[in-house]
């Protein structure tokens, strides 16, 4: 029987764009877009591919939402949307 389409093995499978995870693809497209705007598309593609590859190596073995966790801890509290259940990221020590 020929099946049309891809069926993920689990419901928690992360979204993919071509052969990259979605967050890696966004990183590649942002760097490539910067290269296109500056008039160096090939350099933007090469730098974007290298940066996306390195980011993929960094997040290997970590939580699937590693990018959101990193943004929460590294960006200032005013930039990241704060949820009611999470304290500001600048409060590093908790009592309890």
PDB file of N, CA and C in Angstrom:
ATOM      1  N   UNK A   1       0.825  -1.177   0.000  1.00  0.00           N
ATOM      2  CA  UNK A   1       0.000   0.000   0.000  1.00  0.00           C
ATOM      3  C   UNK A   1       0.876   1.250   0.000  1.00  0.00           C
ATOM      4  N   UNK A   2       0.630   2.151  -0.894  1.00  0.00           N
ATOM      5  CA  UNK A   2       1.369   3.418  -0.919  1.00  0.00           C
ATOM      6  C   UNK A   2       0.694   4.410   0.012  1.00  0.00           C
ATOM      7  N   UNK A   3       1.494   4.947   0.924  1.00  0.00           N
ATOM      8  CA  UNK A   3       0.972   5.974   1.825  1.00  0.00           C
ATOM      9  C   UNK A   3       1.532   7.314   1.401  1.00  0.00           C
ATOM     10  N   UNK A   4       0.686   8.299   1.374  1.00  0.00           N
ATOM     11  CA  UNK A   4       1.102   9.646   0.998  1.00  0.00           C
ATOM     12  C   UNK A   4       1.224  10.479   2.269  1.00  0.00           C
ATOM     13  N   UNK A   5       2.359  11.135   2.434  1.00  0.00           N
ATOM     14  CA  UNK A   5       2.569  11.994   3.585  1.00  0.00           C
ATOM     15  C   UNK A   5       3.439  11.336   4.634  1.00  0.00           C
ATOM     16  N   UNK A   6       3.877  12.133   5.564  1.00  0.00           N
ATOM     17  CA  UNK A   6       4.744  11.683   6.647  1.00  0.00           C
ATOM     18  C   UNK A   6       3.947  11.610   7.931  1.00  0.00           C
ATOM     19  N   UNK A   7       4.038  10.513   8.616  1.00  0.00           N
ATOM     20  CA  UNK A   7       3.378  10.344   9.901  1.00  0.00           C
ATOM     21  C   UNK A   7       4.464  10.253  10.965  1.00  0.00           C
ATOM     22  N   UNK A   8       4.486  11.200  11.929  1.00  0.00           N
ATOM     23  CA  UNK A   8       5.528  11.152  12.966  1.00  0.00           C
ATOM     24  C   UNK A   8       5.339   9.943  13.869  1.00  0.00           C
ATOM     25  N   UNK A   9       6.439   9.457  14.426  1.00  0.00           N
ATOM     26  CA  UNK A   9       6.392   8.293  15.305  1.00  0.00           C
ATOM     27  C   UNK A   9       5.771   8.615  16.655  1.00  0.00           C
ATOM     28  N   UNK A  10       5.845   9.866  17.094  1.00  0.00           N
ATOM     29  CA  UNK A  10       5.219  10.260  18.349  1.00  0.00           C
ATOM     30  C   UNK A  10       4.586  11.636  18.176  1.00  0.00           C
ATOM     31  N   UNK A  11       3.655  11.955  19.056  1.00  0.00           N
ATOM     32  CA  UNK A  11       2.981  13.240  18.967  1.00  0.00           C
ATOM     33  C   UNK A  11       3.867  14.385  19.434  1.00  0.00           C
ATOM     34  N   UNK A  12       4.942  14.076  20.179  1.00  0.00           N
ATOM     35  CA  UNK A  12       5.838  15.105  20.680  1.00  0.00           C
ATOM     36  C   UNK A  12       6.956  15.431  19.694  1.00  0.00           C
ATOM     37  N   UNK A  13       6.900  14.914  18.486  1.00  0.00           N
ATOM     38  CA  UNK A  13       7.950  15.175  17.507  1.00  0.00           C
ATOM     39  C   UNK A  13       7.995  16.669  17.191  1.00  0.00           C
ATOM     40  N   UNK A  14       9.207  17.234  17.227  1.00  0.00           N
ATOM     41  CA  UNK A  14       9.373  18.659  16.986  1.00  0.00           C
ATOM     42  C   UNK A  14       9.191  18.964  15.504  1.00  0.00           C
ATOM     43  N   UNK A  15       8.655  20.159  15.227  1.00  0.00           N
ATOM     44  CA  UNK A  15       8.435  20.562  13.851  1.00  0.00           C
ATOM     45  C   UNK A  15       9.767  20.647  13.123  1.00  0.00           C
ATOM     46  N   UNK A  16       9.755  20.301  11.838  1.00  0.00           N
ATOM     47  CA  UNK A  16      10.983  20.338  11.051  1.00  0.00           C
ATOM     48  C   UNK A  16      10.728  21.120   9.764  1.00  0.00           C
ATOM     49  N   UNK A  17      11.777  21.800   9.318  1.00  0.00           N
ATOM     50  CA  UNK A  17      11.758  22.506   8.041  1.00  0.00           C
ATOM     51  C   UNK A  17      12.944  21.983   7.253  1.00  0.00           C
ATOM     52  N   UNK A  18      12.667  21.295   6.185  1.00  0.00           N
ATOM     53  CA  UNK A  18      13.679  20.567   5.411  1.00  0.00           C
ATOM     54  C   UNK A  18      14.376  19.579   6.348  1.00  0.00           C
ATOM     55  N   UNK A  19      15.653  19.718   6.590  1.00  0.00           N
ATOM     56  CA  UNK A  19      16.349  18.750   7.445  1.00  0.00           C
ATOM     57  C   UNK A  19      16.696  19.325   8.817  1.00  0.00           C
ATOM     58  N   UNK A  20      16.314  20.566   9.094  1.00  0.00           N
ATOM     59  CA  UNK A  20      16.593  21.215  10.375  1.00  0.00           C
ATOM     60  C   UNK A  20      15.351  21.268  11.240  1.00  0.00           C
ATOM     61  N   UNK A  21      15.569  21.383  12.559  1.00  0.00           N
ATOM     62  CA  UNK A  21      14.471  21.704  13.455  1.00  0.00           C
ATOM     63  C   UNK A  21      14.024  23.125  13.143  1.00  0.00           C
ATOM     64  N   UNK A  22      12.821  23.456  13.560  1.00  0.00           N
ATOM     65  CA  UNK A  22      12.243  24.745  13.188  1.00  0.00           C
ATOM     66  C   UNK A  22      13.054  25.925  13.708  1.00  0.00           C
ATOM     67  N   UNK A  23      13.581  25.840  14.934  1.00  0.00           N
ATOM     68  CA  UNK A  23      14.352  26.957  15.470  1.00  0.00           C
ATOM     69  C   UNK A  23      15.680  27.129  14.737  1.00  0.00           C
ATOM     70  N   UNK A  24      16.275  26.037  14.286  1.00  0.00           N
ATOM     71  CA  UNK A  24      17.498  26.138  13.487  1.00  0.00           C
ATOM     72  C   UNK A  24      17.201  26.779  12.132  1.00  0.00           C
ATOM     73  N   UNK A  25      16.079  26.423  11.535  1.00  0.00           N
ATOM     74  CA  UNK A  25      15.716  26.990  10.237  1.00  0.00           C
ATOM     75  C   UNK A  25      15.459  28.485  10.353  1.00  0.00           C
ATOM     76  N   UNK A  26      14.818  28.922  11.443  1.00  0.00           N
ATOM     77  CA  UNK A  26      14.582  30.354  11.646  1.00  0.00           C
ATOM     78  C   UNK A  26      15.909  31.088  11.780  1.00  0.00           C
ATOM     79  N   UNK A  27      16.840  30.508  12.514  1.00  0.00           N
ATOM     80  CA  UNK A  27      18.161  31.116  12.665  1.00  0.00           C
ATOM     81  C   UNK A  27      18.855  31.245  11.308  1.00  0.00           C
ATOM     82  N   UNK A  28      18.806  30.182  10.506  1.00  0.00           N
ATOM     83  CA  UNK A  28      19.405  30.217   9.169  1.00  0.00           C
ATOM     84  C   UNK A  28      18.754  31.294   8.303  1.00  0.00           C
ATOM     85  N   UNK A  29      17.423  31.351   8.312  1.00  0.00           N
ATOM     86  CA  UNK A  29      16.721  32.304   7.461  1.00  0.00           C
ATOM     87  C   UNK A  29      16.980  33.754   7.888  1.00  0.00           C
ATOM     88  N   UNK A  30      17.104  34.000   9.192  1.00  0.00           N
ATOM     89  CA  UNK A  30      17.416  35.356   9.653  1.00  0.00           C
ATOM     90  C   UNK A  30      18.796  35.808   9.188  1.00  0.00           C
ATOM     91  N   UNK A  31      19.790  34.933   9.321  1.00  0.00           N
ATOM     92  CA  UNK A  31      21.150  35.296   8.905  1.00  0.00           C
ATOM     93  C   UNK A  31      21.224  35.421   7.383  1.00  0.00           C
ATOM     94  N   UNK A  32      20.559  34.522   6.669  1.00  0.00           N
ATOM     95  CA  UNK A  32      20.551  34.609   5.213  1.00  0.00           C
ATOM     96  C   UNK A  32      19.832  35.882   4.762  1.00  0.00           C
ATOM     97  N   UNK A  33      18.723  36.239   5.420  1.00  0.00           N
ATOM     98  CA  UNK A  33      18.010  37.470   5.088  1.00  0.00           C
ATOM     99  C   UNK A  33      18.853  38.702   5.328  1.00  0.00           C
ATOM    100  N   UNK A  34      19.641  38.681   6.398  1.00  0.00           N
ATOM    101  CA  UNK A  34      20.564  39.789   6.657  1.00  0.00           C
ATOM    102  C   UNK A  34      21.597  39.876   5.539  1.00  0.00           C
ATOM    103  N   UNK A  35      22.074  38.723   5.072  1.00  0.00           N
ATOM    104  CA  UNK A  35      23.019  38.719   3.961  1.00  0.00           C
ATOM    105  C   UNK A  35      22.404  39.237   2.679  1.00  0.00           C
ATOM    106  N   UNK A  36      21.156  38.886   2.419  1.00  0.00           N
ATOM    107  CA  UNK A  36      20.471  39.370   1.214  1.00  0.00           C
ATOM    108  C   UNK A  36      20.295  40.879   1.270  1.00  0.00           C
ATOM    109  N   UNK A  37      19.889  41.397   2.428  1.00  0.00           N
ATOM    110  CA  UNK A  37      19.691  42.840   2.573  1.00  0.00           C
ATOM    111  C   UNK A  37      21.005  43.597   2.404  1.00  0.00           C
ATOM    112  N   UNK A  38      22.094  43.023   2.911  1.00  0.00           N
ATOM    113  CA  UNK A  38      23.384  43.707   2.812  1.00  0.00           C
ATOM    114  C   UNK A  38      24.070  43.473   1.469  1.00  0.00           C
ATOM    115  N   UNK A  39      23.493  42.654   0.597  1.00  0.00           N
ATOM    116  CA  UNK A  39      24.059  42.435  -0.729  1.00  0.00           C
ATOM    117  C   UNK A  39      25.062  41.307  -0.795  1.00  0.00           C
ATOM    118  N   UNK A  40      25.114  40.459   0.208  1.00  0.00           N
ATOM    119  CA  UNK A  40      26.054  39.329   0.225  1.00  0.00           C
ATOM    120  C   UNK A  40      25.277  38.051   0.532  1.00  0.00           C
ATOM    121  N   UNK A  41      24.461  37.605  -0.432  1.00  0.00           N
ATOM    122  CA  UNK A  41      23.588  36.462  -0.186  1.00  0.00           C
ATOM    123  C   UNK A  41      24.372  35.185   0.059  1.00  0.00           C
ATOM    124  N   UNK A  42      25.411  34.940  -0.707  1.00  0.00           N
ATOM    125  CA  UNK A  42      26.199  33.719  -0.540  1.00  0.00           C
ATOM    126  C   UNK A  42      26.875  33.686   0.827  1.00  0.00           C
ATOM    127  N   UNK A  43      27.439  34.804   1.244  1.00  0.00           N
ATOM    128  CA  UNK A  43      28.064  34.869   2.564  1.00  0.00           C
ATOM    129  C   UNK A  43      27.025  34.683   3.661  1.00  0.00           C
ATOM    130  N   UNK A  44      25.825  35.253   3.480  1.00  0.00           N
ATOM    131  CA  UNK A  44      24.752  35.072   4.445  1.00  0.00           C
ATOM    132  C   UNK A  44      24.308  33.628   4.533  1.00  0.00           C
ATOM    133  N   UNK A  45      24.249  32.946   3.386  1.00  0.00           N
ATOM    134  CA  UNK A  45      23.867  31.530   3.390  1.00  0.00           C
ATOM    135  C   UNK A  45      24.913  30.677   4.100  1.00  0.00           C
ATOM    136  N   UNK A  46      26.181  30.945   3.839  1.00  0.00           N
ATOM    137  CA  UNK A  46      27.256  30.167   4.468  1.00  0.00           C
ATOM    138  C   UNK A  46      27.287  30.425   5.973  1.00  0.00           C
ATOM    139  N   UNK A  47      27.240  31.700   6.358  1.00  0.00           N
ATOM    140  CA  UNK A  47      27.247  32.028   7.797  1.00  0.00           C
ATOM    141  C   UNK A  47      26.002  31.491   8.498  1.00  0.00           C
ATOM    142  N   UNK A  48      24.847  31.594   7.854  1.00  0.00           N
ATOM    143  CA  UNK A  48      23.617  31.069   8.427  1.00  0.00           C
ATOM    144  C   UNK A  48      23.655  29.562   8.596  1.00  0.00           C
ATOM    145  N   UNK A  49      24.190  28.853   7.599  1.00  0.00           N
ATOM    146  CA  UNK A  49      24.289  27.398   7.692  1.00  0.00           C
ATOM    147  C   UNK A  49      25.261  26.986   8.796  1.00  0.00           C
ATOM    148  N   UNK A  50      26.397  27.683   8.897  1.00  0.00           N
ATOM    149  CA  UNK A  50      27.356  27.360   9.959  1.00  0.00           C
ATOM    150  C   UNK A  50      26.784  27.648  11.346  1.00  0.00           C
ATOM    151  N   UNK A  51      26.084  28.780  11.481  1.00  0.00           N
ATOM    152  CA  UNK A  51      25.498  29.129  12.768  1.00  0.00           C
ATOM    153  C   UNK A  51      24.384  28.150  13.155  1.00  0.00           C
ATOM    154  N   UNK A  52      23.546  27.758  12.195  1.00  0.00           N
ATOM    155  CA  UNK A  52      22.484  26.795  12.475  1.00  0.00           C
ATOM    156  C   UNK A  52      23.068  25.434  12.831  1.00  0.00           C
ATOM    157  N   UNK A  53      24.138  25.046  12.164  1.00  0.00           N
ATOM    158  CA  UNK A  53      24.795  23.761  12.466  1.00  0.00           C
ATOM    159  C   UNK A  53      25.386  23.781  13.872  1.00  0.00           C
ATOM    160  N   UNK A  54      26.059  24.891  14.232  1.00  0.00           N
ATOM    161  CA  UNK A  54      26.628  25.006  15.578  1.00  0.00           C
ATOM    162  C   UNK A  54      25.540  25.025  16.643  1.00  0.00           C
ATOM    163  N   UNK A  55      24.456  25.730  16.378  1.00  0.00           N
ATOM    164  CA  UNK A  55      23.349  25.766  17.320  1.00  0.00           C
ATOM    165  C   UNK A  55      22.762  24.364  17.507  1.00  0.00           C
ATOM    166  N   UNK A  56      22.666  23.616  16.439  1.00  0.00           N
ATOM    167  CA  UNK A  56      22.183  22.234  16.536  1.00  0.00           C
ATOM    168  C   UNK A  56      23.102  21.371  17.381  1.00  0.00           C
ATOM    169  N   UNK A  57      24.402  21.589  17.263  1.00  0.00           N
ATOM    170  CA  UNK A  57      25.352  20.839  18.092  1.00  0.00           C
ATOM    171  C   UNK A  57      25.237  21.234  19.557  1.00  0.00           C
ATOM    172  N   UNK A  58      24.986  22.516  19.844  1.00  0.00           N
ATOM    173  CA  UNK A  58      24.854  22.978  21.226  1.00  0.00           C
ATOM    174  C   UNK A  58      23.615  22.378  21.874  1.00  0.00           C
ATOM    175  N   UNK A  59      22.507  22.314  21.147  1.00  0.00           N
ATOM    176  CA  UNK A  59      21.259  21.860  21.756  1.00  0.00           C
ATOM    177  C   UNK A  59      21.072  20.340  21.713  1.00  0.00           C
ATOM    178  N   UNK A  60      22.035  19.608  21.202  1.00  0.00           N
ATOM    179  CA  UNK A  60      21.937  18.153  21.177  1.00  0.00           C
ATOM    180  C   UNK A  60      21.891  17.602  22.594  1.00  0.00           C
ATOM    181  N   UNK A  61      20.897  16.777  22.870  1.00  0.00           N
ATOM    182  CA  UNK A  61      20.761  16.157  24.178  1.00  0.00           C
ATOM    183  C   UNK A  61      20.073  17.030  25.211  1.00  0.00           C
ATOM    184  N   UNK A  62      19.626  18.213  24.819  1.00  0.00           N
ATOM    185  CA  UNK A  62      18.953  19.107  25.751  1.00  0.00           C
ATOM    186  C   UNK A  62      17.443  19.058  25.513  1.00  0.00           C
ATOM    187  N   UNK A  63      16.717  19.799  26.322  1.00  0.00           N
ATOM    188  CA  UNK A  63      15.264  19.851  26.226  1.00  0.00           C
ATOM    189  C   UNK A  63      14.844  20.355  24.841  1.00  0.00           C
ATOM    190  N   UNK A  64      13.738  19.851  24.285  1.00  0.00           N
ATOM    191  CA  UNK A  64      13.306  20.316  22.957  1.00  0.00           C
ATOM    192  C   UNK A  64      13.039  21.811  22.877  1.00  0.00           C
ATOM    193  N   UNK A  65      12.676  22.444  23.965  1.00  0.00           N
ATOM    194  CA  UNK A  65      12.439  23.887  23.979  1.00  0.00           C
ATOM    195  C   UNK A  65      13.636  24.642  24.561  1.00  0.00           C
ATOM    196  N   UNK A  66      14.835  24.184  24.235  1.00  0.00           N
ATOM    197  CA  UNK A  66      16.067  24.778  24.723  1.00  0.00           C
ATOM    198  C   UNK A  66      16.159  26.263  24.373  1.00  0.00           C
ATOM    199  N   UNK A  67      15.706  26.643  23.197  1.00  0.00           N
ATOM    200  CA  UNK A  67      15.796  28.045  22.766  1.00  0.00           C
ATOM    201  C   UNK A  67      14.967  28.950  23.670  1.00  0.00           C
ATOM    202  N   UNK A  68      13.762  28.523  24.038  1.00  0.00           N
ATOM    203  CA  UNK A  68      12.933  29.339  24.928  1.00  0.00           C
ATOM    204  C   UNK A  68      13.560  29.456  26.307  1.00  0.00           C
ATOM    205  N   UNK A  69      14.143  28.379  26.800  1.00  0.00           N
ATOM    206  CA  UNK A  69      14.805  28.419  28.103  1.00  0.00           C
ATOM    207  C   UNK A  69      15.999  29.372  28.061  1.00  0.00           C
ATOM    208  N   UNK A  70      16.783  29.302  26.993  1.00  0.00           N
ATOM    209  CA  UNK A  70      17.950  30.177  26.872  1.00  0.00           C
ATOM    210  C   UNK A  70      17.530  31.643  26.772  1.00  0.00           C
ATOM    211  N   UNK A  71      16.467  31.936  26.013  1.00  0.00           N
ATOM    212  CA  UNK A  71      15.990  33.316  25.916  1.00  0.00           C
ATOM    213  C   UNK A  71      15.495  33.832  27.260  1.00  0.00           C
ATOM    214  N   UNK A  72      14.838  32.969  28.038  1.00  0.00           N
ATOM    215  CA  UNK A  72      14.342  33.381  29.352  1.00  0.00           C
ATOM    216  C   UNK A  72      15.491  33.774  30.268  1.00  0.00           C
ATOM    217  N   UNK A  73      16.571  32.995  30.263  1.00  0.00           N
ATOM    218  CA  UNK A  73      17.669  33.259  31.196  1.00  0.00           C
ATOM    219  C   UNK A  73      18.645  34.311  30.709  1.00  0.00           C
ATOM    220  N   UNK A  74      18.822  34.474  29.396  1.00  0.00           N
ATOM    221  CA  UNK A  74      19.858  35.367  28.882  1.00  0.00           C
ATOM    222  C   UNK A  74      19.355  36.765  28.551  1.00  0.00           C
ATOM    223  N   UNK A  75      18.092  36.918  28.157  1.00  0.00           N
ATOM    224  CA  UNK A  75      17.580  38.237  27.810  1.00  0.00           C
ATOM    225  C   UNK A  75      17.068  38.960  29.052  1.00  0.00           C
ATOM    226  N   UNK A  76      17.066  40.290  29.045  1.00  0.00           N
ATOM    227  CA  UNK A  76      16.521  41.033  30.191  1.00  0.00           C
ATOM    228  C   UNK A  76      15.032  40.742  30.391  1.00  0.00           C
ATOM    229  N   UNK A  77      14.558  40.956  31.600  1.00  0.00           N
ATOM    230  CA  UNK A  77      13.182  40.615  31.955  1.00  0.00           C
ATOM    231  C   UNK A  77      12.157  41.408  31.155  1.00  0.00           C
ATOM    232  N   UNK A  78      12.460  42.625  30.769  1.00  0.00           N
ATOM    233  CA  UNK A  78      11.507  43.446  30.036  1.00  0.00           C
ATOM    234  C   UNK A  78      11.275  43.000  28.610  1.00  0.00           C
ATOM    235  N   UNK A  79      12.223  42.274  28.029  1.00  0.00           N
ATOM    236  CA  UNK A  79      12.097  41.851  26.630  1.00  0.00           C
ATOM    237  C   UNK A  79      11.257  40.590  26.511  1.00  0.00           C
ATOM    238  N   UNK A  80      11.498  39.632  27.385  1.00  0.00           N
ATOM    239  CA  UNK A  80      10.804  38.352  27.327  1.00  0.00           C
ATOM    240  C   UNK A  80       9.439  38.504  27.977  1.00  0.00           C
ATOM    241  N   UNK A  81       8.420  37.953  27.333  1.00  0.00           N
ATOM    242  CA  UNK A  81       7.073  38.005  27.889  1.00  0.00           C
ATOM    243  C   UNK A  81       7.042  37.172  29.164  1.00  0.00           C
ATOM    244  N   UNK A  82       6.607  37.795  30.245  1.00  0.00           N
ATOM    245  CA  UNK A  82       6.616  37.124  31.544  1.00  0.00           C
ATOM    246  C   UNK A  82       5.280  36.449  31.778  1.00  0.00           C
ATOM    247  N   UNK A  83       5.331  35.201  32.170  1.00  0.00           N
ATOM    248  CA  UNK A  83       4.135  34.454  32.518  1.00  0.00           C
ATOM    249  C   UNK A  83       3.836  34.646  34.001  1.00  0.00           C
ATOM    250  N   UNK A  84       2.610  34.403  34.399  1.00  0.00           N
ATOM    251  CA  UNK A  84       2.243  34.582  35.799  1.00  0.00           C
ATOM    252  C   UNK A  84       2.937  33.572  36.697  1.00  0.00           C
ATOM    253  N   UNK A  85       3.161  32.361  36.212  1.00  0.00           N
ATOM    254  CA  UNK A  85       3.720  31.302  37.054  1.00  0.00           C
ATOM    255  C   UNK A  85       5.239  31.361  37.172  1.00  0.00           C
ATOM    256  N   UNK A  86       5.899  32.120  36.316  1.00  0.00           N
ATOM    257  CA  UNK A  86       7.357  32.168  36.350  1.00  0.00           C
ATOM    258  C   UNK A  86       7.835  33.487  36.938  1.00  0.00           C
ATOM    259  N   UNK A  87       8.825  33.431  37.816  1.00  0.00           N
ATOM    260  CA  UNK A  87       9.384  34.668  38.362  1.00  0.00           C
ATOM    261  C   UNK A  87      10.304  35.336  37.334  1.00  0.00           C
ATOM    262  N   UNK A  88      10.653  36.587  37.543  1.00  0.00           N
ATOM    263  CA  UNK A  88      11.596  37.243  36.629  1.00  0.00           C
ATOM    264  C   UNK A  88      12.936  36.500  36.604  1.00  0.00           C
ATOM    265  N   UNK A  89      13.608  36.542  35.477  1.00  0.00           N
ATOM    266  CA  UNK A  89      14.842  35.771  35.331  1.00  0.00           C
ATOM    267  C   UNK A  89      15.993  36.325  36.154  1.00  0.00           C
ATOM    268  N   UNK A  90      15.917  37.577  36.602  1.00  0.00           N
ATOM    269  CA  UNK A  90      17.017  38.129  37.387  1.00  0.00           C
ATOM    270  C   UNK A  90      16.983  37.630  38.831  1.00  0.00           C
ATOM    271  N   UNK A  91      15.900  37.019  39.269  1.00  0.00           N
ATOM    272  CA  UNK A  91      15.834  36.430  40.615  1.00  0.00           C
ATOM    273  C   UNK A  91      16.391  35.007  40.534  1.00  0.00           C
ATOM    274  N   UNK A  92      17.662  34.840  40.862  1.00  0.00           N
ATOM    275  CA  UNK A  92      18.333  33.556  40.688  1.00  0.00           C
ATOM    276  C   UNK A  92      18.259  32.662  41.907  1.00  0.00           C
ATOM    277  N   UNK A  93      18.031  33.224  43.086  1.00  0.00           N
ATOM    278  CA  UNK A  93      18.009  32.430  44.316  1.00  0.00           C
ATOM    279  C   UNK A  93      16.613  32.442  44.894  1.00  0.00           C
ATOM    280  N   UNK A  94      16.094  31.268  45.158  1.00  0.00           N
ATOM    281  CA  UNK A  94      14.737  31.138  45.665  1.00  0.00           C
ATOM    282  C   UNK A  94      14.767  30.537  47.060  1.00  0.00           C
ATOM    283  N   UNK A  95      13.875  30.967  47.889  1.00  0.00           N
ATOM    284  CA  UNK A  95      13.721  30.387  49.211  1.00  0.00           C
ATOM    285  C   UNK A  95      12.601  29.357  49.142  1.00  0.00           C
ATOM    286  N   UNK A  96      12.819  28.245  49.803  1.00  0.00           N
ATOM    287  CA  UNK A  96      11.734  27.288  49.787  1.00  0.00           C
ATOM    288  C   UNK A  96      12.118  25.926  49.895  1.00  0.00           C
TER     289      UNK A  96
END
